[in-house]
């Protein structure tokens, strides 16, 4: 019988992919999350002229399609992983209006109301200070007509994965909505959908993916 995987190491790589293991984790995250990510961009209802910020773009495998469909979009991605910054920068070389920045995962190095749209998928579990970070997102989002799309998997599905015991903060809709409203957001819409994916354990699972659209 094979030994039990080191689930803490798996969790650490999901939080902050690094080195060769981090590159492999980035590819696995693509397989598990690509549909969820592309749906988040769809829900933003982009015209293609916006200033858009993505928190945690990983290796950026989705961005060629995103930018091809919306050539006027001005995209900025922020990451805490140096490995993912390197991978995304290499993948997106030659694409116009795209930039990646390393951040500390606590603050956003932008002025107030800098972005028309902000999006993040499956990063909320890792926010060190969720209330402060949500307030930062609200600060950099335009007050008038700005939209933030928060994508995450419901706690009941995430809780079935062994690596989520190691440093993951899990959310149901009520908890996530309260986090945003406490930070000054107004909830505009909530979308919940069920999908079947292959998780980072390698097993197929049904999960509910949630998107909160707020401004």
Foldseek 3Di string as FASTA:
>chain_A
DDDDDPLQVVLVLVQANDDPRVVVNLVQCCQFCVVVVVVLVVVLVDPLQWAEEEEDCFLQPNPVVVCVVRVNYQYEYEYQYPVSQVNNCVVCPPRPNYYYYYDDLQADPDAFQQTQEYEYAANCQQRPDLLRVLLRVNRNHHPPNRKYKYKYWAPVQVVVDVSCVHRTDGDDPVVVVVSNVSSPKDWDDKDKDWDWGQHPVRRIDIIIMMITMID
